[in-house]
Amino acid sequence: MATTRPFDMIDRLGKADSLTSMTRAEFLRLSAGAIVACTLGGRAPRSLASPAPAMRKRPIPSSGEALPVIGLGTYQGFDVTPGSAAYAQLPGVLRALFAAGGSVIDSSPMYGRAEATTGELLAASGTRSQAFLATKVWTRGRAAGLRQIDESLRLLRADPIDLLQVHNLLDWREHLPTLRELKAAGRIRYVGITHFNAGAYDELAAVMRAERFDFLQINYSLDEREAERKILPLAAERGMAVLINRPFGGGGLLRRLRDRPLPGWSAEVGAASWAQLLLKFVLSQPAVTCAIPGTGRPEHMADNARGGVGPIPDPGFWRSHPLAA
């Protein structure tokens, strides 16, 4: 199915240079009609329609399975009440993710009703098979952990689930044997760990060296770069896939940048918005498998997804093309 590339008309008119000074808001205003047509199942105008460019994929080291490099985080955006205006937008978010070739959806029992919302929407649309679902365990004790995991799988309507992660290393020695048992029983496909606090990176590194995991989830962005010094290289060394949360610095980074023009060289890496440029910065780390920015808006999901299309520079690119946070 063809999807819409809002900038095709500009490219044909020979005005691509104007994209480098376009803010995220301007990009979204320009593309709103096309995105709405896509997410609501309508057709874009023929003059804007073209085959969707392929989102890049990277392998999970422990299996070789390929994952699309841009996914979706459900924190806040999916913690909404059925029947609300915010809830009504979420089917469009999932359509935008899948239409762009994405699959990874990350949730948690700590995200309010985000797991329930995700499970409801995937069931209603019949798109569970298109999703790579991840969630977490964050409690103490084996029995409590099993209860939480069972409830997460029930809410997500996903048994088996693709990825179960021990969140912030909480009681990881107790939970890790449980997760391995569930993986052996076929209820979990992959096992992972997460953290978000750079002050815990020494402990995290020690656990990564001591145990085998399929996945690591960590925060990394232009203004939170601590992970690139030790954690990302160690993940590559240990054969762990890496999910990146907070690729926009928790949202504050985009707010600081949104009124600035894009660098003149952004077109070199195929970035037409600050969100895309920041995601390409994150993906330039070869250890990174997938970035999972959170959103509850279809147009933001479509914008984010294009960060996984086209050129991905290597880390050295940013030394000669610096970005200021």
C-alpha atoms as a PDB file:
ATOM      1  CA  MET A   1       0.000   0.000   0.000  1.00  0.00           C
ATOM      2  CA  ALA A   2       1.357   3.398  -0.927  1.00  0.00           C
ATOM      3  CA  THR A   3       1.905   5.936   1.803  1.00  0.00           C
ATOM      4  CA  THR A   4       2.496   9.632   1.605  1.00  0.00           C
ATOM      5  CA  ARG A   5       5.816  11.462   1.557  1.00  0.00           C
ATOM      6  CA  PRO A   6       4.906  15.076   2.311  1.00  0.00           C
ATOM      7  CA  PHE A   7       8.072  16.457   0.751  1.00  0.00           C
ATOM      8  CA  ASP A   8       7.838  14.821  -2.683  1.00  0.00           C
ATOM      9  CA  MET A   9       6.077  17.850  -4.175  1.00  0.00           C
ATOM     10  CA  ILE A  10       8.715  20.199  -2.782  1.00  0.00           C
ATOM     11  CA  ASP A  11      11.467  17.993  -4.173  1.00  0.00           C
ATOM     12  CA  ARG A  12       9.887  18.053  -7.625  1.00  0.00           C
ATOM     13  CA  LEU A  13       9.649  21.818  -7.535  1.00  0.00           C
ATOM     14  CA  GLY A  14      13.358  22.023  -6.780  1.00  0.00           C
ATOM     15  CA  LYS A  15      12.883  23.560  -3.345  1.00  0.00           C
ATOM     16  CA  ALA A  16      14.492  20.902  -1.185  1.00  0.00           C
ATOM     17  CA  ASP A  17      16.896  23.441   0.282  1.00  0.00           C
ATOM     18  CA  SER A  18      13.981  25.014   2.152  1.00  0.00           C
ATOM     19  CA  LEU A  19      13.651  21.867   4.266  1.00  0.00           C
ATOM     20  CA  THR A  20      16.802  22.642   6.163  1.00  0.00           C
ATOM     21  CA  SER A  21      15.172  25.615   7.837  1.00  0.00           C
ATOM     22  CA  MET A  22      11.879  23.877   8.601  1.00  0.00           C
ATOM     23  CA  THR A  23      10.849  23.376  12.215  1.00  0.00           C
ATOM     24  CA  ARG A  24       9.018  20.283  13.459  1.00  0.00           C
ATOM     25  CA  ALA A  25       5.808  22.297  13.729  1.00  0.00           C
ATOM     26  CA  GLU A  26       6.085  23.465  10.106  1.00  0.00           C
ATOM     27  CA  PHE A  27       6.835  19.937   8.951  1.00  0.00           C
ATOM     28  CA  LEU A  28       3.780  18.644  10.780  1.00  0.00           C
ATOM     29  CA  ARG A  29       1.517  21.358   9.366  1.00  0.00           C
ATOM     30  CA  LEU A  30       2.691  20.556   5.842  1.00  0.00           C
ATOM     31  CA  SER A  31       2.244  16.821   6.241  1.00  0.00           C
ATOM     32  CA  ALA A  32      -0.938  16.809   8.345  1.00  0.00           C
ATOM     33  CA  GLY A  33      -3.289  16.161   5.439  1.00  0.00           C
ATOM     34  CA  ALA A  34      -1.221  13.305   4.116  1.00  0.00           C
ATOM     35  CA  ILE A  35      -0.827  11.707   7.540  1.00  0.00           C
ATOM     36  CA  VAL A  36      -4.524  11.952   8.318  1.00  0.00           C
ATOM     37  CA  ALA A  37      -5.321  10.323   4.981  1.00  0.00           C
ATOM     38  CA  CYS A  38      -2.921   7.500   5.755  1.00  0.00           C
ATOM     39  CA  THR A  39      -3.936   6.860   9.353  1.00  0.00           C
ATOM     40  CA  LEU A  40      -7.668   7.082   8.624  1.00  0.00           C
ATOM     41  CA  GLY A  41      -7.390   4.665   5.734  1.00  0.00           C
ATOM     42  CA  GLY A  42      -8.018   7.296   3.038  1.00  0.00           C
ATOM     43  CA  ARG A  43      -6.001   8.085  -0.046  1.00  0.00           C
ATOM     44  CA  ALA A  44      -3.509  10.895  -0.349  1.00  0.00           C
ATOM     45  CA  PRO A  45      -3.684  13.169  -3.382  1.00  0.00           C
ATOM     46  CA  ARG A  46      -2.076  11.515  -6.410  1.00  0.00           C
ATOM     47  CA  SER A  47       0.480  14.325  -6.613  1.00  0.00           C
ATOM     48  CA  LEU A  48       1.781  13.417  -3.140  1.00  0.00           C
ATOM     49  CA  ALA A  49       1.502   9.622  -3.260  1.00  0.00           C
ATOM     50  CA  SER A  50       4.595   7.451  -3.761  1.00  0.00           C
ATOM     51  CA  PRO A  51       5.881   4.086  -2.534  1.00  0.00           C
ATOM     52  CA  ALA A  52       6.922   4.190   1.095  1.00  0.00           C
ATOM     53  CA  PRO A  53      10.687   4.175   1.590  1.00  0.00           C
ATOM     54  CA  ALA A  54      11.848   1.202   3.629  1.00  0.00           C
ATOM     55  CA  MET A  55      12.638   1.699   7.296  1.00  0.00           C
ATOM     56  CA  ARG A  56      16.045   0.339   8.146  1.00  0.00           C
ATOM     57  CA  LYS A  57      16.367  -2.815  10.235  1.00  0.00           C
ATOM     58  CA  ARG A  58      19.088  -4.130  12.523  1.00  0.00           C
ATOM     59  CA  PRO A  59      19.583  -7.666  13.854  1.00  0.00           C
ATOM     60  CA  ILE A  60      19.034  -8.897  17.397  1.00  0.00           C
ATOM     61  CA  PRO A  61      22.487 -10.372  18.099  1.00  0.00           C
ATOM     62  CA  SER A  62      21.257 -13.406  20.050  1.00  0.00           C
ATOM     63  CA  SER A  63      18.970 -14.612  17.249  1.00  0.00           C
ATOM     64  CA  GLY A  64      19.634 -12.685  14.050  1.00  0.00           C
ATOM     65  CA  GLU A  65      15.981 -11.566  13.884  1.00  0.00           C
ATOM     66  CA  ALA A  66      15.778  -8.146  12.229  1.00  0.00           C
ATOM     67  CA  LEU A  67      14.000  -5.286  14.012  1.00  0.00           C
ATOM     68  CA  PRO A  68      12.947  -1.956  12.476  1.00  0.00           C
ATOM     69  CA  VAL A  69      15.063   0.827  13.961  1.00  0.00           C
ATOM     70  CA  ILE A  70      12.205   3.101  15.095  1.00  0.00           C
ATOM     71  CA  GLY A  71       9.501   1.923  17.482  1.00  0.00           C
ATOM     72  CA  LEU A  72       7.047   3.367  19.975  1.00  0.00           C
ATOM     73  CA  GLY A  73       7.136   4.016  23.703  1.00  0.00           C
ATOM     74  CA  THR A  74       3.774   4.073  25.524  1.00  0.00           C
ATOM     75  CA  TYR A  75       4.681   6.044  28.658  1.00  0.00           C
ATOM     76  CA  GLN A  76       2.059   8.780  29.231  1.00  0.00           C
ATOM     77  CA  GLY A  77       0.771   8.717  25.654  1.00  0.00           C
ATOM     78  CA  PHE A  78      -1.104   5.416  26.127  1.00  0.00           C
ATOM     79  CA  ASP A  79      -2.098   5.975  29.753  1.00  0.00           C
ATOM     80  CA  VAL A  80      -5.455   7.434  28.734  1.00  0.00           C
ATOM     81  CA  THR A  81      -9.127   6.648  29.289  1.00  0.00           C
ATOM     82  CA  PRO A  82     -11.224   4.900  26.629  1.00  0.00           C
ATOM     83  CA  GLY A  83     -13.648   7.352  25.090  1.00  0.00           C
ATOM     84  CA  SER A  84     -11.347  10.341  25.587  1.00  0.00           C
ATOM     85  CA  ALA A  85     -10.052  12.478  22.738  1.00  0.00           C
ATOM     86  CA  ALA A  86      -6.520  11.283  23.475  1.00  0.00           C
ATOM     87  CA  TYR A  87      -7.592   7.629  23.267  1.00  0.00           C
ATOM     88  CA  ALA A  88      -9.287   8.265  19.928  1.00  0.00           C
ATOM     89  CA  GLN A  89      -5.947   9.278  18.389  1.00  0.00           C
ATOM     90  CA  LEU A  90      -4.117   6.098  19.368  1.00  0.00           C
ATOM     91  CA  PRO A  91      -5.370   3.775  16.613  1.00  0.00           C
ATOM     92  CA  GLY A  92      -3.817   6.285  14.213  1.00  0.00           C
ATOM     93  CA  VAL A  93      -0.521   6.116  16.096  1.00  0.00           C
ATOM     94  CA  LEU A  94      -0.381   2.354  15.618  1.00  0.00           C
ATOM     95  CA  ARG A  95      -1.392   2.630  11.964  1.00  0.00           C
ATOM     96  CA  ALA A  96       1.366   5.171  11.394  1.00  0.00           C
ATOM     97  CA  LEU A  97       3.916   2.889  13.090  1.00  0.00           C
ATOM     98  CA  PHE A  98       2.971  -0.170  11.053  1.00  0.00           C
ATOM     99  CA  ALA A  99       2.529   1.740   7.788  1.00  0.00           C
ATOM    100  CA  ALA A 100       6.105   2.995   8.138  1.00  0.00           C
ATOM    101  CA  GLY A 101       7.417  -0.534   8.683  1.00  0.00           C
ATOM    102  CA  GLY A 102       7.883  -0.252  12.468  1.00  0.00           C
ATOM    103  CA  SER A 103       6.958  -2.961  14.949  1.00  0.00           C
ATOM    104  CA  VAL A 104       8.475  -2.397  18.421  1.00  0.00           C
ATOM    105  CA  ILE A 105       6.027  -1.236  21.113  1.00  0.00           C
ATOM    106  CA  ASP A 106       7.399  -0.880  24.637  1.00  0.00           C
ATOM    107  CA  SER A 107       5.221  -0.671  27.743  1.00  0.00           C
ATOM    108  CA  SER A 108       5.313  -1.343  31.469  1.00  0.00           C
ATOM    109  CA  PRO A 109       3.007  -2.092  34.409  1.00  0.00           C
ATOM    110  CA  MET A 110       4.236   1.241  35.828  1.00  0.00           C
ATOM    111  CA  TYR A 111       2.694   3.196  32.936  1.00  0.00           C
ATOM    112  CA  GLY A 112      -0.858   3.349  34.288  1.00  0.00           C
ATOM    113  CA  ARG A 113      -3.219   1.686  31.829  1.00  0.00           C
ATOM    114  CA  ALA A 114      -0.777   1.766  28.900  1.00  0.00           C
ATOM    115  CA  GLU A 115      -0.548  -2.033  28.720  1.00  0.00           C
ATOM    116  CA  ALA A 116      -4.343  -2.370  28.692  1.00  0.00           C
ATOM    117  CA  THR A 117      -4.675   0.330  26.027  1.00  0.00           C
ATOM    118  CA  THR A 118      -2.054  -1.332  23.838  1.00  0.00           C
ATOM    119  CA  GLY A 119      -3.694  -4.735  24.151  1.00  0.00           C
ATOM    120  CA  GLU A 120      -7.158  -3.338  23.413  1.00  0.00           C
ATOM    121  CA  LEU A 121      -6.078  -1.469  20.308  1.00  0.00           C
ATOM    122  CA  LEU A 122      -4.032  -4.315  18.842  1.00  0.00           C
ATOM    123  CA  ALA A 123      -6.908  -6.726  19.397  1.00  0.00           C
ATOM    124  CA  ALA A 124      -9.480  -4.357  17.916  1.00  0.00           C
ATOM    125  CA  SER A 125      -7.400  -3.785  14.789  1.00  0.00           C
ATOM    126  CA  GLY A 126      -6.196  -7.375  14.408  1.00  0.00           C
ATOM    127  CA  THR A 127      -2.583  -6.199  14.229  1.00  0.00           C
ATOM    128  CA  ARG A 128      -0.970  -8.153  17.078  1.00  0.00           C
ATOM    129  CA  SER A 129       1.079 -10.108  14.529  1.00  0.00           C
ATOM    130  CA  GLN A 130       2.662  -6.868  13.278  1.00  0.00           C
ATOM    131  CA  ALA A 131       3.876  -5.825  16.736  1.00  0.00           C
ATOM    132  CA  PHE A 132       7.041  -6.710  18.624  1.00  0.00           C
ATOM    133  CA  LEU A 133       5.741  -6.241  22.176  1.00  0.00           C
ATOM    134  CA  ALA A 134       7.972  -5.483  25.134  1.00  0.00           C
ATOM    135  CA  THR A 135       7.137  -4.881  28.777  1.00  0.00           C
ATOM    136  CA  LYS A 136       8.834  -5.050  32.177  1.00  0.00           C
ATOM    137  CA  VAL A 137       8.767  -6.511  35.662  1.00  0.00           C
ATOM    138  CA  TRP A 138       9.330  -4.040  38.494  1.00  0.00           C
ATOM    139  CA  THR A 139       8.603  -5.495  41.907  1.00  0.00           C
ATOM    140  CA  ARG A 140      10.322  -7.543  44.605  1.00  0.00           C
ATOM    141  CA  GLY A 141      10.132 -11.285  45.106  1.00  0.00           C
ATOM    142  CA  ARG A 142       9.548 -14.244  42.815  1.00  0.00           C
ATOM    143  CA  ALA A 143       5.839 -14.644  43.571  1.00  0.00           C
ATOM    144  CA  ALA A 144       5.082 -10.944  43.118  1.00  0.00           C
ATOM    145  CA  GLY A 145       7.103 -10.931  39.911  1.00  0.00           C
ATOM    146  CA  LEU A 146       5.159 -13.870  38.466  1.00  0.00           C
ATOM    147  CA  ARG A 147       1.851 -12.215  39.323  1.00  0.00           C
ATOM    148  CA  GLN A 148       2.929  -8.978  37.674  1.00  0.00           C
ATOM    149  CA  ILE A 149       4.154 -10.761  34.550  1.00  0.00           C
ATOM    150  CA  ASP A 150       0.935 -12.779  34.246  1.00  0.00           C
ATOM    151  CA  GLU A 151      -1.113  -9.597  34.570  1.00  0.00           C
ATOM    152  CA  SER A 152       0.990  -7.792  31.947  1.00  0.00           C
ATOM    153  CA  LEU A 153       0.551 -10.612  29.455  1.00  0.00           C
ATOM    154  CA  ARG A 154      -3.191 -10.651  30.154  1.00  0.00           C
ATOM    155  CA  LEU A 155      -3.534  -6.890  29.619  1.00  0.00           C
ATOM    156  CA  LEU A 156      -1.393  -6.913  26.505  1.00  0.00           C
ATOM    157  CA  ARG A 157      -3.230 -10.012  25.241  1.00  0.00           C
ATOM    158  CA  ALA A 158       0.177 -11.411  24.383  1.00  0.00           C
ATOM    159  CA  ASP A 159       1.178 -14.865  25.564  1.00  0.00           C
ATOM    160  CA  PRO A 160       3.862 -15.389  24.464  1.00  0.00           C
ATOM    161  CA  ILE A 161       5.319 -11.899  24.611  1.00  0.00           C
ATOM    162  CA  ASP A 162       8.334 -10.844  22.605  1.00  0.00           C
ATOM    163  CA  LEU A 163      10.446  -9.201  25.324  1.00  0.00           C
ATOM    164  CA  LEU A 164      10.269  -9.119  29.127  1.00  0.00           C
ATOM    165  CA  GLN A 165      12.749  -6.822  30.880  1.00  0.00           C
ATOM    166  CA  VAL A 166      13.822  -6.459  34.512  1.00  0.00           C
ATOM    167  CA  HIS A 167      13.241  -2.757  35.052  1.00  0.00           C
ATOM    168  CA  ASN A 168      16.005  -0.690  36.656  1.00  0.00           C
ATOM    169  CA  LEU A 169      17.673  -3.898  37.895  1.00  0.00           C
ATOM    170  CA  LEU A 170      15.111  -4.129  40.727  1.00  0.00           C
ATOM    171  CA  ASP A 171      15.570  -7.543  42.397  1.00  0.00           C
ATOM    172  CA  TRP A 172      17.164  -8.831  39.211  1.00  0.00           C
ATOM    173  CA  ARG A 173      18.765 -11.836  40.925  1.00  0.00           C
ATOM    174  CA  GLU A 174      15.294 -13.052  41.872  1.00  0.00           C
ATOM    175  CA  HIS A 175      13.590 -12.273  38.569  1.00  0.00           C
ATOM    176  CA  LEU A 176      16.231 -13.449  36.108  1.00  0.00           C
ATOM    177  CA  PRO A 177      15.767 -17.192  36.842  1.00  0.00           C
ATOM    178  CA  THR A 178      12.007 -16.699  36.496  1.00  0.00           C
ATOM    179  CA  LEU A 179      12.375 -15.011  33.117  1.00  0.00           C
ATOM    180  CA  ARG A 180      14.681 -17.748  31.888  1.00  0.00           C
ATOM    181  CA  GLU A 181      12.172 -20.394  32.972  1.00  0.00           C
ATOM    182  CA  LEU A 182       9.385 -18.564  31.148  1.00  0.00           C
ATOM    183  CA  LYS A 183      11.565 -18.254  28.060  1.00  0.00           C
ATOM    184  CA  ALA A 184      12.296 -21.978  28.129  1.00  0.00           C
ATOM    185  CA  ALA A 185       8.548 -22.629  28.448  1.00  0.00           C
ATOM    186  CA  GLY A 186       7.855 -20.475  25.377  1.00  0.00           C
ATOM    187  CA  ARG A 187       6.014 -17.642  27.153  1.00  0.00           C
ATOM    188  CA  ILE A 188       8.823 -15.100  26.605  1.00  0.00           C
ATOM    189  CA  ARG A 189      10.894 -14.843  23.441  1.00  0.00           C
ATOM    190  CA  TYR A 190      13.650 -12.544  24.752  1.00  0.00           C
ATOM    191  CA  VAL A 191      14.934 -11.454  28.175  1.00  0.00           C
ATOM    192  CA  GLY A 192      16.331  -8.009  28.961  1.00  0.00           C
ATOM    193  CA  ILE A 193      17.263  -5.436  31.568  1.00  0.00           C
ATOM    194  CA  THR A 194      16.747  -1.685  31.719  1.00  0.00           C
ATOM    195  CA  HIS A 195      18.038   1.402  33.464  1.00  0.00           C
ATOM    196  CA  PHE A 196      17.762   5.155  33.063  1.00  0.00           C
ATOM    197  CA  ASN A 197      20.101   6.569  35.704  1.00  0.00           C
ATOM    198  CA  ALA A 198      23.733   7.215  34.772  1.00  0.00           C
ATOM    199  CA  GLY A 199      24.611   6.907  38.466  1.00  0.00           C
ATOM    200  CA  ALA A 200      23.765   3.193  38.228  1.00  0.00           C
ATOM    201  CA  TYR A 201      25.894   2.476  35.159  1.00  0.00           C
ATOM    202  CA  ASP A 202      28.733   0.866  37.129  1.00  0.00           C
ATOM    203  CA  GLU A 203      26.292  -1.612  38.665  1.00  0.00           C
ATOM    204  CA  LEU A 204      24.603  -2.108  35.302  1.00  0.00           C
ATOM    205  CA  ALA A 205      27.932  -2.847  33.615  1.00  0.00           C
ATOM    206  CA  ALA A 206      28.788  -5.403  36.293  1.00  0.00           C
ATOM    207  CA  VAL A 207      25.475  -7.214  35.742  1.00  0.00           C
ATOM    208  CA  MET A 208      25.948  -7.128  31.963  1.00  0.00           C
ATOM    209  CA  ARG A 209      29.350  -8.777  32.357  1.00  0.00           C
ATOM    210  CA  ALA A 210      28.106 -11.387  34.830  1.00  0.00           C
ATOM    211  CA  GLU A 211      24.942 -12.537  33.031  1.00  0.00           C
ATOM    212  CA  ARG A 212      23.656 -13.103  29.514  1.00  0.00           C
ATOM    213  CA  PHE A 213      20.755 -11.011  28.266  1.00  0.00           C
ATOM    214  CA  ASP A 214      19.150 -10.645  24.860  1.00  0.00           C
ATOM    215  CA  PHE A 215      18.322  -6.955  25.309  1.00  0.00           C
ATOM    216  CA  LEU A 216      19.350  -3.823  27.135  1.00  0.00           C
ATOM    217  CA  GLN A 217      17.108  -0.748  27.331  1.00  0.00           C
ATOM    218  CA  ILE A 218      18.850   2.495  28.222  1.00  0.00           C
ATOM    219  CA  ASN A 219      18.388   6.237  27.817  1.00  0.00           C
ATOM    220  CA  TYR A 220      20.558   7.995  25.254  1.00  0.00           C
ATOM    221  CA  SER A 221      20.200  11.306  23.436  1.00  0.00           C
ATOM    222  CA  LEU A 222      22.165  14.329  22.290  1.00  0.00           C
ATOM    223  CA  ASP A 223      22.042  15.760  25.811  1.00  0.00           C
ATOM    224  CA  GLU A 224      22.292  12.442  27.718  1.00  0.00           C
ATOM    225  CA  ARG A 225      25.368  10.807  26.228  1.00  0.00           C
ATOM    226  CA  GLU A 226      26.809   8.942  29.210  1.00  0.00           C
ATOM    227  CA  ALA A 227      25.847   5.542  27.770  1.00  0.00           C
ATOM    228  CA  GLU A 228      28.168   5.913  24.777  1.00  0.00           C
ATOM    229  CA  ARG A 229      31.266   5.864  26.995  1.00  0.00           C
ATOM    230  CA  LYS A 230      30.913   2.373  28.478  1.00  0.00           C
ATOM    231  CA  ILE A 231      27.427   0.891  28.311  1.00  0.00           C
ATOM    232  CA  LEU A 232      26.859   0.866  24.544  1.00  0.00           C
ATOM    233  CA  PRO A 233      30.294  -0.606  23.727  1.00  0.00           C
ATOM    234  CA  LEU A 234      29.769  -3.237  26.419  1.00  0.00           C
ATOM    235  CA  ALA A 235      26.361  -4.158  24.995  1.00  0.00           C
ATOM    236  CA  ALA A 236      27.975  -4.701  21.602  1.00  0.00           C
ATOM    237  CA  GLU A 237      30.741  -6.775  23.170  1.00  0.00           C
ATOM    238  CA  ARG A 238      28.212  -8.913  25.055  1.00  0.00           C
ATOM    239  CA  GLY A 239      25.923  -9.432  22.065  1.00  0.00           C
ATOM    240  CA  MET A 240      22.940  -7.528  23.430  1.00  0.00           C
ATOM    241  CA  ALA A 241      20.340  -5.744  21.340  1.00  0.00           C
ATOM    242  CA  VAL A 242      19.799  -2.169  22.558  1.00  0.00           C
ATOM    243  CA  LEU A 243      16.527  -0.255  22.843  1.00  0.00           C
ATOM    244  CA  ILE A 244      16.923   3.488  23.381  1.00  0.00           C
ATOM    245  CA  ASN A 245      14.339   5.358  25.410  1.00  0.00           C
ATOM    246  CA  ARG A 246      14.306   9.141  25.838  1.00  0.00           C
ATOM    247  CA  PRO A 247      15.973   9.768  22.445  1.00  0.00           C
ATOM    248  CA  PHE A 248      14.636  13.328  22.660  1.00  0.00           C
ATOM    249  CA  GLY A 249      16.042  13.879  26.145  1.00  0.00           C
ATOM    250  CA  GLY A 250      12.658  13.323  27.772  1.00  0.00           C
ATOM    251  CA  GLY A 251      11.058  15.943  25.515  1.00  0.00           C
ATOM    252  CA  GLY A 252      13.002  18.942  26.784  1.00  0.00           C
ATOM    253  CA  LEU A 253      15.563  18.682  24.021  1.00  0.00           C
ATOM    254  CA  LEU A 254      12.981  18.995  21.264  1.00  0.00           C
ATOM    255  CA  ARG A 255      11.369  21.944  23.022  1.00  0.00           C
ATOM    256  CA  ARG A 256      14.700  23.758  23.086  1.00  0.00           C
ATOM    257  CA  LEU A 257      15.384  23.081  19.437  1.00  0.00           C
ATOM    258  CA  ARG A 258      11.968  23.462  17.844  1.00  0.00           C
ATOM    259  CA  ASP A 259      12.277  27.157  16.997  1.00  0.00           C
ATOM    260  CA  ARG A 260      15.774  26.855  15.563  1.00  0.00           C
ATOM    261  CA  PRO A 261      16.326  26.238  11.853  1.00  0.00           C
ATOM    262  CA  LEU A 262      17.677  22.836  10.917  1.00  0.00           C
ATOM    263  CA  PRO A 263      21.387  22.797  10.033  1.00  0.00           C
ATOM    264  CA  GLY A 264      22.024  23.329   6.356  1.00  0.00           C
ATOM    265  CA  TRP A 265      23.580  19.871   6.086  1.00  0.00           C
ATOM    266  CA  SER A 266      20.560  17.994   7.505  1.00  0.00           C
ATOM    267  CA  ALA A 267      19.428  17.037   4.002  1.00  0.00           C
ATOM    268  CA  GLU A 268      22.688  15.071   3.636  1.00  0.00           C
ATOM    269  CA  VAL A 269      21.332  12.534   6.129  1.00  0.00           C
ATOM    270  CA  GLY A 270      17.734  12.716   4.911  1.00  0.00           C
ATOM    271  CA  ALA A 271      16.398  14.592   7.961  1.00  0.00           C
ATOM    272  CA  ALA A 272      13.482  16.964   7.390  1.00  0.00           C
ATOM    273  CA  SER A 273      12.692  17.695  11.052  1.00  0.00           C
ATOM    274  CA  TRP A 274      14.511  17.976  14.358  1.00  0.00           C
ATOM    275  CA  ALA A 275      12.924  14.724  15.528  1.00  0.00           C
ATOM    276  CA  GLN A 276      14.358  12.880  12.544  1.00  0.00           C
ATOM    277  CA  LEU A 277      17.784  14.437  12.997  1.00  0.00           C
ATOM    278  CA  LEU A 278      17.908  13.552  16.710  1.00  0.00           C
ATOM    279  CA  LEU A 279      16.854   9.976  15.984  1.00  0.00           C
ATOM    280  CA  LYS A 280      19.560   9.656  13.337  1.00  0.00           C
ATOM    281  CA  PHE A 281      22.055  10.886  15.939  1.00  0.00           C
ATOM    282  CA  VAL A 282      20.963   8.069  18.268  1.00  0.00           C
ATOM    283  CA  LEU A 283      20.999   5.471  15.488  1.00  0.00           C
ATOM    284  CA  SER A 284      24.511   6.478  14.454  1.00  0.00           C
ATOM    285  CA  GLN A 285      25.710   4.399  17.411  1.00  0.00           C
ATOM    286  CA  PRO A 286      26.206   0.948  15.856  1.00  0.00           C
ATOM    287  CA  ALA A 287      25.266  -0.809  19.105  1.00  0.00           C
ATOM    288  CA  VAL A 288      21.756   0.687  18.987  1.00  0.00           C
ATOM    289  CA  THR A 289      19.104  -1.645  17.600  1.00  0.00           C
ATOM    290  CA  CYS A 290      15.941   0.454  17.919  1.00  0.00           C
ATOM    291  CA  ALA A 291      14.896   3.836  19.329  1.00  0.00           C
ATOM    292  CA  ILE A 292      11.468   3.996  21.000  1.00  0.00           C
ATOM    293  CA  PRO A 293      10.305   7.620  21.329  1.00  0.00           C
ATOM    294  CA  GLY A 294       6.964   7.924  23.063  1.00  0.00           C
ATOM    295  CA  THR A 295       3.989   9.667  21.505  1.00  0.00           C
ATOM    296  CA  GLY A 296       0.216   9.671  21.483  1.00  0.00           C
ATOM    297  CA  ARG A 297      -0.134  11.589  18.196  1.00  0.00           C
ATOM    298  CA  PRO A 298      -0.239   9.965  14.742  1.00  0.00           C
ATOM    299  CA  GLU A 299       1.574  12.844  13.021  1.00  0.00           C
ATOM    300  CA  HIS A 300       4.450  12.628  15.496  1.00  0.00           C
ATOM    301  CA  MET A 301       4.687   8.860  14.993  1.00  0.00           C
ATOM    302  CA  ALA A 302       4.874   9.340  11.225  1.00  0.00           C
ATOM    303  CA  ASP A 303       7.525  12.041  11.629  1.00  0.00           C
ATOM    304  CA  ASN A 304       9.561   9.915  14.025  1.00  0.00           C
ATOM    305  CA  ALA A 305       9.410   6.884  11.733  1.00  0.00           C
ATOM    306  CA  ARG A 306      11.133   8.789   8.944  1.00  0.00           C
ATOM    307  CA  GLY A 307      14.168   9.088  11.203  1.00  0.00           C
ATOM    308  CA  GLY A 308      14.773   5.419  10.400  1.00  0.00           C
ATOM    309  CA  VAL A 309      14.725   5.944   6.627  1.00  0.00           C
ATOM    310  CA  GLY A 310      17.644   6.836   4.415  1.00  0.00           C
ATOM    311  CA  PRO A 311      21.245   7.543   5.441  1.00  0.00           C
ATOM    312  CA  ILE A 312      22.392   6.829   8.993  1.00  0.00           C
ATOM    313  CA  PRO A 313      25.778   8.512   9.555  1.00  0.00           C
ATOM    314  CA  ASP A 314      28.520   6.923  11.605  1.00  0.00           C
ATOM    315  CA  PRO A 315      29.508   8.431  14.978  1.00  0.00           C
ATOM    316  CA  GLY A 316      32.404  10.356  13.438  1.00  0.00           C
ATOM    317  CA  PHE A 317      29.996  12.360  11.282  1.00  0.00           C
ATOM    318  CA  TRP A 318      28.858  14.397  14.275  1.00  0.00           C
ATOM    319  CA  ARG A 319      32.383  15.588  15.041  1.00  0.00           C
ATOM    320  CA  SER A 320      32.463  17.453  11.767  1.00  0.00           C
ATOM    321  CA  HIS A 321      28.727  18.295  11.886  1.00  0.00           C
ATOM    322  CA  PRO A 322      28.191  19.197  15.541  1.00  0.00           C
ATOM    323  CA  LEU A 323      24.769  19.639  17.071  1.00  0.00           C
ATOM    324  CA  ALA A 324      24.325  21.913  20.074  1.00  0.00           C
ATOM    325  CA  ALA A 325      21.745  20.808  22.625  1.00  0.00           C
END
